[in-house]
C-alpha atoms as a PDB file:
ATOM      1  CA  MET A   1     -59.765-129.585 -37.404  1.00  0.00           C
ATOM      2  CA  PRO A   2     -58.462-131.218 -40.570  1.00  0.00           C
ATOM      3  CA  GLY A   3     -61.018-133.446 -42.155  1.00  0.00           C
ATOM      4  CA  PRO A   4     -63.698-133.452 -44.791  1.00  0.00           C
ATOM      5  CA  LEU A   5     -66.048-130.482 -45.121  1.00  0.00           C
ATOM      6  CA  VAL A   6     -69.695-131.529 -44.939  1.00  0.00           C
ATOM      7  CA  VAL A   7     -71.774-129.294 -47.222  1.00  0.00           C
ATOM      8  CA  ASN A   8     -75.024-131.263 -47.047  1.00  0.00           C
ATOM      9  CA  ASP A   9     -76.160-134.886 -46.744  1.00  0.00           C
ATOM     10  CA  SER A  10     -74.928-135.848 -50.196  1.00  0.00           C
ATOM     11  CA  VAL A  11     -71.882-133.582 -50.690  1.00  0.00           C
ATOM     12  CA  VAL A  12     -68.708-133.978 -48.621  1.00  0.00           C
ATOM     13  CA  ILE A  13     -65.510-132.246 -49.739  1.00  0.00           C
ATOM     14  CA  PRO A  14     -62.306-134.129 -48.880  1.00  0.00           C
ATOM     15  CA  ASP A  15     -59.638-132.203 -47.004  1.00  0.00           C
ATOM     16  CA  ALA A  16     -57.184-132.684 -49.894  1.00  0.00           C
ATOM     17  CA  GLU A  17     -59.295-130.386 -52.122  1.00  0.00           C
ATOM     18  CA  LEU A  18     -59.223-127.480 -49.631  1.00  0.00           C
ATOM     19  CA  VAL A  19     -56.305-125.038 -49.765  1.00  0.00           C
ATOM     20  CA  TRP A  20     -55.505-123.171 -46.536  1.00  0.00           C
ATOM     21  CA  ARG A  21     -53.351-120.021 -46.213  1.00  0.00           C
ATOM     22  CA  PHE A  22     -52.524-118.221 -43.007  1.00  0.00           C
ATOM     23  CA  SER A  23     -51.295-114.677 -42.462  1.00  0.00           C
ATOM     24  CA  ARG A  24     -51.194-111.988 -39.827  1.00  0.00           C
ATOM     25  CA  SER A  25     -54.539-110.471 -39.079  1.00  0.00           C
ATOM     26  CA  SER A  26     -55.316-106.796 -38.715  1.00  0.00           C
ATOM     27  CA  GLY A  27     -58.311-107.550 -36.518  1.00  0.00           C
ATOM     28  CA  PRO A  28     -58.656-108.033 -32.767  1.00  0.00           C
ATOM     29  CA  GLY A  29     -55.887-109.732 -30.833  1.00  0.00           C
ATOM     30  CA  GLY A  30     -53.962-107.135 -28.867  1.00  0.00           C
ATOM     31  CA  GLN A  31     -50.205-107.484 -28.943  1.00  0.00           C
ATOM     32  CA  GLY A  32     -50.508-111.051 -30.212  1.00  0.00           C
ATOM     33  CA  VAL A  33     -51.843-109.785 -33.527  1.00  0.00           C
ATOM     34  CA  ASN A  34     -48.286-108.844 -34.529  1.00  0.00           C
ATOM     35  CA  THR A  35     -46.851-112.324 -33.930  1.00  0.00           C
ATOM     36  CA  THR A  36     -49.516-114.920 -34.736  1.00  0.00           C
ATOM     37  CA  ASP A  37     -50.864-115.977 -38.094  1.00  0.00           C
ATOM     38  CA  SER A  38     -54.542-115.867 -37.146  1.00  0.00           C
ATOM     39  CA  ARG A  39     -56.030-114.715 -40.479  1.00  0.00           C
ATOM     40  CA  VAL A  40     -57.268-117.636 -42.570  1.00  0.00           C
ATOM     41  CA  GLU A  41     -57.904-117.933 -46.301  1.00  0.00           C
ATOM     42  CA  LEU A  42     -59.721-121.027 -47.479  1.00  0.00           C
ATOM     43  CA  SER A  43     -59.830-121.764 -51.226  1.00  0.00           C
ATOM     44  CA  PHE A  44     -61.779-124.420 -53.073  1.00  0.00           C
ATOM     45  CA  ASP A  45     -61.608-125.113 -56.807  1.00  0.00           C
ATOM     46  CA  VAL A  46     -65.092-126.150 -57.918  1.00  0.00           C
ATOM     47  CA  SER A  47     -64.085-127.034 -61.481  1.00  0.00           C
ATOM     48  CA  SER A  48     -61.464-129.631 -60.493  1.00  0.00           C
ATOM     49  CA  SER A  49     -63.397-131.087 -57.563  1.00  0.00           C
ATOM     50  CA  THR A  50     -64.267-134.778 -57.468  1.00  0.00           C
ATOM     51  CA  ALA A  51     -66.734-134.322 -54.602  1.00  0.00           C
ATOM     52  CA  LEU A  52     -69.450-132.706 -56.725  1.00  0.00           C
ATOM     53  CA  PRO A  53     -71.500-134.644 -59.290  1.00  0.00           C
ATOM     54  CA  ALA A  54     -71.450-133.203 -62.813  1.00  0.00           C
ATOM     55  CA  ALA A  55     -74.924-131.631 -62.579  1.00  0.00           C
ATOM     56  CA  LEU A  56     -74.196-129.900 -59.263  1.00  0.00           C
ATOM     57  CA  LYS A  57     -70.778-128.782 -60.491  1.00  0.00           C
ATOM     58  CA  ALA A  58     -72.308-127.172 -63.586  1.00  0.00           C
ATOM     59  CA  ARG A  59     -74.970-125.443 -61.469  1.00  0.00           C
ATOM     60  CA  ALA A  60     -72.367-124.165 -59.004  1.00  0.00           C
ATOM     61  CA  LEU A  61     -70.052-122.860 -61.731  1.00  0.00           C
ATOM     62  CA  ASP A  62     -72.978-121.112 -63.404  1.00  0.00           C
ATOM     63  CA  ARG A  63     -74.084-119.401 -60.175  1.00  0.00           C
ATOM     64  CA  LEU A  64     -70.668-118.574 -58.730  1.00  0.00           C
ATOM     65  CA  GLY A  65     -69.152-117.014 -61.828  1.00  0.00           C
ATOM     66  CA  SER A  66     -65.635-118.056 -60.815  1.00  0.00           C
ATOM     67  CA  PRO A  67     -64.322-121.622 -60.577  1.00  0.00           C
ATOM     68  CA  VAL A  68     -62.377-120.876 -57.381  1.00  0.00           C
ATOM     69  CA  ILE A  69     -64.089-119.805 -54.152  1.00  0.00           C
ATOM     70  CA  THR A  70     -61.867-118.014 -51.643  1.00  0.00           C
ATOM     71  CA  ILE A  71     -63.124-117.238 -48.139  1.00  0.00           C
ATOM     72  CA  ALA A  72     -61.117-115.037 -45.755  1.00  0.00           C
ATOM     73  CA  ALA A  73     -61.773-115.004 -42.010  1.00  0.00           C
ATOM     74  CA  SER A  74     -60.054-112.756 -39.496  1.00  0.00           C
ATOM     75  CA  GLU A  75     -62.819-111.795 -37.083  1.00  0.00           C
ATOM     76  CA  HIS A  76     -61.614-113.995 -34.209  1.00  0.00           C
ATOM     77  CA  ARG A  77     -58.417-113.833 -32.192  1.00  0.00           C
ATOM     78  CA  SER A  78     -57.500-117.485 -32.645  1.00  0.00           C
ATOM     79  CA  GLN A  79     -56.593-119.252 -35.853  1.00  0.00           C
ATOM     80  CA  LEU A  80     -58.747-122.229 -34.893  1.00  0.00           C
ATOM     81  CA  ARG A  81     -61.918-120.154 -34.592  1.00  0.00           C
ATOM     82  CA  ASN A  82     -61.116-118.372 -37.865  1.00  0.00           C
ATOM     83  CA  ARG A  83     -60.686-121.769 -39.543  1.00  0.00           C
ATOM     84  CA  GLU A  84     -64.088-122.856 -38.251  1.00  0.00           C
ATOM     85  CA  ALA A  85     -65.679-119.600 -39.454  1.00  0.00           C
ATOM     86  CA  ALA A  86     -64.120-119.971 -42.910  1.00  0.00           C
ATOM     87  CA  GLU A  87     -65.318-123.580 -43.189  1.00  0.00           C
ATOM     88  CA  GLN A  88     -68.859-122.619 -42.192  1.00  0.00           C
ATOM     89  CA  ARG A  89     -68.968-119.763 -44.705  1.00  0.00           C
ATOM     90  CA  LEU A  90     -67.595-121.958 -47.509  1.00  0.00           C
ATOM     91  CA  ALA A  91     -70.148-124.678 -46.753  1.00  0.00           C
ATOM     92  CA  GLN A  92     -72.972-122.107 -46.744  1.00  0.00           C
ATOM     93  CA  ARG A  93     -71.800-120.585 -50.027  1.00  0.00           C
ATOM     94  CA  LEU A  94     -71.626-124.016 -51.665  1.00  0.00           C
ATOM     95  CA  ARG A  95     -75.072-124.971 -50.303  1.00  0.00           C
ATOM     96  CA  GLU A  96     -76.521-121.853 -51.940  1.00  0.00           C
ATOM     97  CA  ALA A  97     -74.663-122.522 -55.203  1.00  0.00           C
ATOM     98  CA  ILE A  98     -75.811-126.133 -55.594  1.00  0.00           C
ATOM     99  CA  ALA A  99     -79.375-125.625 -54.336  1.00  0.00           C
ATOM    100  CA  PRO A 100     -82.065-126.559 -56.838  1.00  0.00           C
ATOM    101  CA  PRO A 101     -83.745-123.653 -58.596  1.00  0.00           C
ATOM    102  CA  PRO A 102     -86.947-122.385 -56.971  1.00  0.00           C
ATOM    103  CA  LYS A 103     -90.258-123.682 -58.271  1.00  0.00           C
ATOM    104  CA  ARG A 104     -91.691-121.658 -61.123  1.00  0.00           C
ATOM    105  CA  ARG A 105     -94.526-119.356 -60.151  1.00  0.00           C
ATOM    106  CA  ARG A 106     -97.850-120.263 -61.658  1.00  0.00           C
ATOM    107  CA  PRO A 107     -99.491-117.069 -62.871  1.00  0.00           C
ATOM    108  CA  THR A 108    -102.921-116.492 -61.359  1.00  0.00           C
ATOM    109  CA  LYS A 109    -105.561-113.807 -61.578  1.00  0.00           C
ATOM    110  CA  PRO A 110    -108.148-112.636 -59.080  1.00  0.00           C
ATOM    111  CA  SER A 111    -111.630-114.109 -59.282  1.00  0.00           C
ATOM    112  CA  ARG A 112    -114.487-112.078 -60.727  1.00  0.00           C
ATOM    113  CA  GLY A 113    -116.057-111.743 -57.265  1.00  0.00           C
ATOM    114  CA  ALA A 114    -112.813-110.389 -55.792  1.00  0.00           C
ATOM    115  CA  VAL A 115    -112.532-107.806 -58.571  1.00  0.00           C
ATOM    116  CA  GLU A 116    -116.153-106.739 -58.068  1.00  0.00           C
ATOM    117  CA  ARG A 117    -115.693-106.430 -54.278  1.00  0.00           C
ATOM    118  CA  ARG A 118    -112.599-104.293 -54.762  1.00  0.00           C
ATOM    119  CA  ILE A 119    -114.316-101.962 -57.223  1.00  0.00           C
ATOM    120  CA  THR A 120    -117.417-101.687 -54.991  1.00  0.00           C
ATOM    121  CA  ALA A 121    -115.236-100.754 -52.005  1.00  0.00           C
ATOM    122  CA  LYS A 122    -113.415 -98.152 -54.104  1.00  0.00           C
ATOM    123  CA  LYS A 123    -116.732 -96.626 -55.220  1.00  0.00           C
ATOM    124  CA  GLN A 124    -118.015 -96.491 -51.638  1.00  0.00           C
ATOM    125  CA  ARG A 125    -114.836 -94.761 -50.495  1.00  0.00           C
ATOM    126  CA  SER A 126    -115.041 -92.337 -53.413  1.00  0.00           C
ATOM    127  CA  ASP A 127    -118.692 -91.504 -52.590  1.00  0.00           C
ATOM    128  CA  LEU A 128    -117.807 -90.929 -48.934  1.00  0.00           C
ATOM    129  CA  LYS A 129    -115.056 -88.479 -49.866  1.00  0.00           C
ATOM    130  CA  ARG A 130    -117.283 -86.778 -52.453  1.00  0.00           C
ATOM    131  CA  LEU A 131    -120.006 -86.210 -49.815  1.00  0.00           C
ATOM    132  CA  ARG A 132    -117.462 -84.563 -47.477  1.00  0.00           C
ATOM    133  CA  ARG A 133    -116.658 -81.860 -50.015  1.00  0.00           C
ATOM    134  CA  ALA A 134    -118.207 -78.438 -49.694  1.00  0.00           C
ATOM    135  CA  PRO A 135    -120.858 -77.716 -52.338  1.00  0.00           C
END
């Protein structure tokens, strides 16, 4: 389980930059829930990371709002599966934070023919409803 966290093709976070905490979970687990530390908290400090280039780090800090990301996972009975879930969620959150901004929308307007067709259809519908009315 220990090892670098692969976020995407160009960003890999070394294991030394991830902080793990374990505690007792309140979730599923039967009697074992009282004795095993299956809840996982995974923290990553974006601002002090060496894995992110400066541009991606600035983008991530701007989008995240906080320099430290903390992910808690307690939905599985085993600590190993909770660790995997926390890693996946952290990687997904970082992918969204460092993604490039969407392309700007180019404003467009309907063609003259499209506007005329729409107005003609509206007039036809209006005439049809007008003819249904009682005189």
